[in-house]
Amino acid sequence: MQFDSAQLETFAAVLDEGSFDAAARRLRVTPSAVSQRIKALESRLGQVVVMRGKPARPTAAGEALLRLARQVSLLELEAIVAVRGTVEALRLPIAVNADSLNNWFLPAMLDLSQSLDARFLVHQEDEEHSAEFLRNGTVLAAVTADPRPVQGCRVVPLGKMRYLPVATPEYAERWLAGRPLADALAEAPMVIFNAKDVLQHRLIRKVTRRRMDPPTHAVPAPGAFHQAVRIGLGWGMIEDEIAEPELAAGRLVDVAPGKYIDVPLYWQHWKLESPILDALTAAVLRAAAAGLRTS
C-alpha cells in the first residue's frame, strides 16, 4: 500500500496544530481540503486515524501512521537539502522535560538554528514519560530518563541533573525544627511540579525508608515552582545550579543535608540515517556536555 504524501503531511499537521482549521492555516489550504484529505486517508486504510476533538488526537491506528508521516517528511526534507542545498520551514518536533528546557537545553536549539533554518515544535513532558511521544510518533527525538530504547530508536547518555531538597529558613523553623526529620516530613507541606513529579517522594523514601503522603501543592511551571519554594509555600527539589546560590546566600536551607536525587538523562531519536537528526543530536550533546553532570 502506498500513501499520498499530501495526505500524510495534512494528517501530521492536524495533530500538530490540534484542529482541522489550524492545520488548514498552516498548510495554506481550505479546511474543506484538509477534511477531504483526512477522509481519503481513512478510506484508504479502512480505519479512523484522527479523533475529532479539541485538540484532535490520533487513534491507535493513527499513532502508527503518525510515525510514518514524520519519517516521510524528514526524508523529503533531506532530499530537498541534497538537491537545493537549503530548505525552508524545517520543523523538528521534540519532547523535553521542563527542567531541561529551563536550564541546559535551549542552547542546543540555538546552536542548530544557526546552522540550519530549523523551527522547533517542543512538547514539554516529564522525563519519566517523554518516551511515550516517541512511541506514538508525536516527536522524532526526546530527552528521557529511560535508558531502554523505544523500538526503532537509538539512545545516547547525556549526563545527570542533581536536585537538592530545599526550603526557606522560616519554613524549616516552623515545620522541621525540634523533631526527627522523618516525623517532620510526614506533615510538612511540599511543592511538586505535577502528578507525574515523584522527586520529592523519592527524597522522602531515601531519608526515611518509608512511603509517606504529606500535604502537597502542585505548581506546574519551573519559574513558579521555584518561587513557591522561595516564598515558603513548601519544601521542594530544585536543580543544584539554581539552589546552590540561594543556599550560599542564606535565602534557602538544605532540608536533608547530604541528601540529593540524581536524574540520569538520555537522548532518544529515530534510528534513521539522517544528516538533520545527526546535526540535532550533535547540538544536544554539546549543550549537555556544558550543562549536565557526568558523575
Protein backbone atom coordinates (compact mmCIF):
# COMPACT_ATOMS: atom_id res chain seq x y z
CA MET A 1 0.00 0.00 0.00
CA GLN A 2 1.31 3.43 -0.96
CA PHE A 3 0.37 6.66 0.80
CA ASP A 4 -0.22 10.08 -0.65
CA SER A 5 2.42 12.43 0.76
CA ALA A 6 -0.01 15.36 0.88
CA GLN A 7 -2.42 13.28 2.94
CA LEU A 8 0.35 12.28 5.35
CA GLU A 9 1.50 15.88 5.66
CA THR A 10 -2.06 17.02 6.34
CA PHE A 11 -2.58 14.27 8.90
CA ALA A 12 0.56 15.32 10.82
CA ALA A 13 -0.43 19.00 10.60
CA VAL A 14 -3.86 18.30 12.12
CA LEU A 15 -2.24 16.59 15.11
CA ASP A 16 0.50 19.21 15.47
CA GLU A 17 -1.94 22.12 15.36
CA GLY A 18 -4.78 20.43 17.21
CA SER A 19 -7.58 21.10 14.72
CA PHE A 20 -8.54 20.93 11.04
CA ASP A 21 -8.87 24.72 10.83
CA ALA A 22 -5.43 25.36 12.31
CA ALA A 23 -3.88 22.76 10.01
CA ALA A 24 -5.53 24.47 7.04
CA ARG A 25 -3.95 27.79 8.02
CA ARG A 26 -0.52 26.20 8.36
CA LEU A 27 -0.79 24.41 5.02
CA ARG A 28 -2.46 27.39 3.32
CA VAL A 29 -5.40 25.36 2.09
CA THR A 30 -9.09 25.39 2.96
CA PRO A 31 -10.49 23.46 5.95
CA SER A 32 -12.56 21.53 3.41
CA ALA A 33 -9.36 20.39 1.67
CA VAL A 34 -7.94 19.22 4.99
CA SER A 35 -11.12 17.30 5.76
CA GLN A 36 -11.15 15.69 2.32
CA ARG A 37 -7.52 14.57 2.62
CA ILE A 38 -8.11 13.01 6.05
CA LYS A 39 -11.27 11.25 4.87
CA ALA A 40 -9.43 9.91 1.82
CA LEU A 41 -6.61 8.66 4.01
CA GLU A 42 -9.03 6.95 6.39
CA SER A 43 -10.97 5.46 3.48
CA ARG A 44 -7.76 4.03 2.04
CA LEU A 45 -6.80 2.49 5.38
CA GLY A 46 -10.32 1.42 6.31
CA GLN A 47 -9.80 2.90 9.79
CA VAL A 48 -10.30 6.17 11.60
CA VAL A 49 -6.92 7.79 12.31
CA VAL A 50 -7.96 11.09 13.93
CA MET A 51 -10.24 11.56 16.92
CA ARG A 52 -12.14 14.76 16.15
CA GLY A 53 -11.85 16.56 19.46
CA LYS A 54 -10.26 19.65 20.93
CA PRO A 55 -7.44 19.04 20.43
CA ALA A 56 -7.51 16.44 17.68
CA ARG A 57 -5.68 13.26 18.68
CA PRO A 58 -4.53 10.12 16.88
CA THR A 59 -6.35 6.84 17.29
CA ALA A 60 -4.32 3.69 17.94
CA ALA A 61 -4.05 3.19 14.17
CA GLY A 62 -3.21 6.87 13.79
CA GLU A 63 -0.24 6.61 16.15
CA ALA A 64 1.48 4.11 13.85
CA LEU A 65 0.64 6.24 10.83
CA LEU A 66 1.93 9.42 12.51
CA ARG A 67 5.36 7.92 12.94
CA LEU A 68 5.43 7.07 9.25
CA ALA A 69 4.29 10.60 8.38
CA ARG A 70 7.12 12.09 10.43
CA GLN A 71 9.71 9.87 8.81
CA VAL A 72 8.45 10.57 5.28
CA SER A 73 8.52 14.31 5.99
CA LEU A 74 12.07 14.15 7.32
CA LEU A 75 13.30 12.10 4.36
CA GLU A 76 11.64 14.53 1.94
CA LEU A 77 13.44 17.40 3.65
CA GLU A 78 16.73 15.52 3.40
CA ALA A 79 16.19 15.09 -0.34
CA ILE A 80 15.38 18.80 -0.80
CA VAL A 81 18.54 19.75 1.10
CA ALA A 82 20.57 17.40 -1.10
CA VAL A 83 19.14 18.89 -4.30
CA ARG A 84 18.86 22.58 -3.42
CA GLY A 85 21.40 22.90 -0.63
CA THR A 86 18.86 24.74 1.52
CA VAL A 87 15.44 24.01 2.96
CA GLU A 88 12.58 26.19 4.08
CA ALA A 89 10.50 25.69 7.22
CA LEU A 90 12.36 22.76 8.72
CA ARG A 91 10.09 21.65 11.60
CA LEU A 92 11.54 19.42 14.30
CA PRO A 93 9.05 18.00 16.83
CA ILE A 94 10.86 17.03 20.05
CA ALA A 95 9.94 16.24 23.67
CA VAL A 96 11.88 17.78 26.55
CA ASN A 97 11.25 17.90 30.29
CA ALA A 98 10.60 21.28 31.90
CA ASP A 99 13.81 21.47 33.96
CA SER A 100 15.99 20.74 30.93
CA LEU A 101 14.17 23.45 28.99
CA ASN A 102 14.68 25.81 31.91
CA ASN A 103 18.40 25.07 32.15
CA TRP A 104 20.67 23.42 29.59
CA PHE A 105 18.58 22.52 26.53
CA LEU A 106 17.80 25.88 24.89
CA PRO A 107 21.43 26.42 23.77
CA ALA A 108 21.10 23.23 21.69
CA MET A 109 18.13 24.75 19.87
CA LEU A 110 20.05 27.97 19.27
CA ASP A 111 23.09 26.01 18.09
CA LEU A 112 21.12 24.09 15.48
CA SER A 113 19.08 27.07 14.34
CA GLN A 114 22.31 28.88 13.47
CA SER A 115 23.46 26.10 11.16
CA LEU A 116 20.05 25.07 9.79
CA ASP A 117 16.84 27.02 9.27
CA ALA A 118 15.20 24.92 11.99
CA ARG A 119 11.85 25.53 13.66
CA PHE A 120 11.25 23.56 16.83
CA LEU A 121 7.91 22.18 17.98
CA VAL A 122 8.63 21.41 21.63
CA HIS A 123 6.40 19.12 23.66
CA GLN A 124 7.07 19.59 27.37
CA GLU A 125 6.81 16.33 29.27
CA ASP A 126 8.27 14.75 32.40
CA GLU A 127 11.46 12.86 31.62
CA GLU A 128 9.90 9.66 33.00
CA HIS A 129 7.10 9.84 30.44
CA SER A 130 8.53 11.63 27.38
CA ALA A 131 9.44 8.36 25.62
CA GLU A 132 5.73 7.83 25.02
CA PHE A 133 5.86 10.68 22.49
CA LEU A 134 8.39 8.61 20.52
CA ARG A 135 6.20 5.52 20.68
CA ASN A 136 3.13 7.26 19.31
CA GLY A 137 5.01 9.18 16.61
CA THR A 138 4.45 12.67 18.01
CA VAL A 139 8.17 13.52 18.06
CA LEU A 140 11.33 12.39 16.31
CA ALA A 141 13.55 12.75 19.39
CA ALA A 142 13.16 13.20 23.15
CA VAL A 143 15.05 13.79 26.38
CA THR A 144 14.10 10.85 28.60
CA ALA A 145 15.07 9.22 31.88
CA ASP A 146 14.75 5.74 30.36
CA PRO A 147 17.94 4.07 29.07
CA ARG A 148 15.89 1.39 27.29
CA PRO A 149 15.42 2.32 23.63
CA VAL A 150 11.95 2.73 22.25
CA GLN A 151 11.51 0.34 19.32
CA GLY A 152 13.19 1.82 16.27
CA CYS A 153 15.17 4.39 18.28
CA ARG A 154 18.76 4.95 19.39
CA VAL A 155 19.72 6.02 22.93
CA VAL A 156 22.62 8.32 23.84
CA PRO A 157 23.53 9.12 27.50
CA LEU A 158 23.53 12.85 28.22
CA GLY A 159 24.52 13.23 31.88
CA LYS A 160 22.72 13.86 35.16
CA MET A 161 20.66 16.60 36.74
CA ARG A 162 21.10 16.88 40.51
CA TYR A 163 18.22 18.05 42.69
CA LEU A 164 18.56 19.33 46.27
CA PRO A 165 15.76 19.37 48.88
CA VAL A 166 15.43 23.00 49.99
CA ALA A 167 13.14 25.35 51.86
CA THR A 168 13.23 28.82 53.38
CA PRO A 169 14.75 29.23 56.86
CA GLU A 170 11.34 30.36 58.17
CA TYR A 171 9.64 27.29 56.73
CA ALA A 172 12.31 24.98 58.18
CA GLU A 173 11.93 26.58 61.62
CA ARG A 174 8.16 26.16 61.54
CA TRP A 175 7.86 22.67 60.06
CA LEU A 176 11.14 20.81 60.53
CA ALA A 177 12.91 22.05 63.64
CA GLY A 178 12.83 20.31 67.02
CA ARG A 179 11.86 16.79 65.98
CA PRO A 180 13.16 13.87 63.93
CA LEU A 181 13.25 14.68 60.22
CA ALA A 182 11.30 11.53 59.34
CA ASP A 183 8.40 12.64 61.55
CA ALA A 184 8.54 16.20 60.25
CA LEU A 185 8.48 15.19 56.58
CA ALA A 186 5.27 13.26 57.14
CA GLU A 187 3.43 16.51 57.89
CA ALA A 188 5.47 19.28 56.24
CA PRO A 189 3.84 20.66 53.06
CA MET A 190 5.87 20.17 49.91
CA VAL A 191 5.74 21.55 46.39
CA ILE A 192 5.52 19.19 43.40
CA PHE A 193 5.53 20.08 39.71
CA ASN A 194 2.52 17.93 38.79
CA ALA A 195 1.08 14.49 39.44
CA LYS A 196 3.94 12.87 37.49
CA ASP A 197 6.62 14.53 39.64
CA VAL A 198 7.95 11.95 42.11
CA LEU A 199 11.26 13.60 43.07
CA GLN A 200 10.04 14.79 46.46
CA HIS A 201 8.60 11.38 47.30
CA ARG A 202 11.87 9.74 46.22
CA LEU A 203 13.77 12.01 48.59
CA ILE A 204 11.41 11.15 51.43
CA ARG A 205 11.93 7.42 50.85
CA LYS A 206 15.69 7.96 50.65
CA VAL A 207 15.71 9.75 54.02
CA THR A 208 13.06 7.80 55.94
CA ARG A 209 12.91 4.42 54.19
CA ARG A 210 9.14 4.87 54.36
CA ARG A 211 6.36 5.83 51.97
CA MET A 212 4.57 8.99 53.03
CA ASP A 213 1.86 11.19 51.61
CA PRO A 214 2.38 14.68 53.07
CA PRO A 215 0.33 17.73 52.00
CA THR A 216 1.32 18.92 48.52
CA HIS A 217 0.99 21.98 46.32
CA ALA A 218 1.15 21.28 42.57
CA VAL A 219 2.80 24.16 40.68
CA PRO A 220 3.35 23.08 37.04
CA ALA A 221 5.77 25.75 35.80
CA PRO A 222 9.51 25.84 36.58
CA GLY A 223 9.72 29.52 37.48
CA ALA A 224 6.57 29.43 39.59
CA PHE A 225 7.71 26.19 41.23
CA HIS A 226 10.97 27.77 42.31
CA GLN A 227 9.16 30.86 43.54
CA ALA A 228 6.71 28.75 45.55
CA VAL A 229 9.67 27.24 47.44
CA ARG A 230 11.38 30.64 47.80
CA ILE A 231 8.35 32.22 49.47
CA GLY A 232 7.88 29.29 51.88
CA LEU A 233 4.82 27.57 50.42
CA GLY A 234 6.56 24.25 50.91
CA TRP A 235 9.86 22.44 50.51
CA GLY A 236 10.84 21.11 47.11
CA MET A 237 13.56 19.57 44.97
CA ILE A 238 15.38 22.25 42.96
CA GLU A 239 18.25 21.83 40.48
CA ASP A 240 21.61 22.30 42.19
CA GLU A 241 22.78 25.13 39.92
CA ILE A 242 19.70 27.13 40.93
CA ALA A 243 19.59 26.06 44.58
CA GLU A 244 23.27 26.45 45.49
CA PRO A 245 23.47 30.27 45.12
CA GLU A 246 20.32 30.56 47.24
CA LEU A 247 21.81 28.26 49.87
CA ALA A 248 25.07 30.23 49.90
CA ALA A 249 23.16 33.48 50.40
CA GLY A 250 21.09 32.02 53.24
CA ARG A 251 17.80 32.52 51.42
CA LEU A 252 17.24 28.76 51.38
CA VAL A 253 18.37 25.94 53.67
CA ASP A 254 19.00 22.26 53.00
CA VAL A 255 16.10 20.16 54.23
CA ALA A 256 18.16 16.95 54.39
CA PRO A 257 21.88 17.84 54.37
CA GLY A 258 23.95 15.48 52.25
CA LYS A 259 20.91 14.01 50.53
CA TYR A 260 20.02 14.63 46.90
CA ILE A 261 18.50 12.95 43.87
CA ASP A 262 20.44 12.49 40.62
CA VAL A 263 18.33 12.02 37.50
CA PRO A 264 20.23 10.48 34.55
CA LEU A 265 19.04 11.79 31.20
CA TYR A 266 19.18 10.20 27.77
CA TRP A 267 18.59 11.39 24.23
CA GLN A 268 16.42 9.03 22.21
CA HIS A 269 15.88 9.58 18.49
CA TRP A 270 14.64 7.65 15.50
CA LYS A 271 17.07 5.15 14.03
CA LEU A 272 17.35 6.86 10.64
CA GLU A 273 20.40 7.77 8.59
CA SER A 274 19.64 11.47 8.59
CA PRO A 275 22.05 14.42 8.50
CA ILE A 276 19.35 16.57 10.13
CA LEU A 277 18.92 14.15 13.03
CA ASP A 278 22.70 13.82 13.31
CA ALA A 279 23.06 17.62 13.49
CA LEU A 280 20.31 17.86 16.09
CA THR A 281 21.91 15.11 18.19
CA ALA A 282 25.33 16.75 17.98
CA ALA A 283 23.88 20.07 19.16
CA VAL A 284 22.11 18.36 22.07
CA LEU A 285 25.28 16.55 23.11
CA ARG A 286 27.26 19.80 23.08
CA ALA A 287 24.67 21.51 25.26
CA ALA A 288 24.52 18.54 27.64
CA ALA A 289 28.30 18.48 28.00
CA ALA A 290 28.21 22.11 29.06
CA GLY A 291 25.17 21.91 31.32
CA LEU A 292 24.88 18.45 32.90
CA ARG A 293 26.90 16.44 35.41
CA THR A 294 28.90 13.48 34.17
CA SER A 295 29.41 11.92 37.62
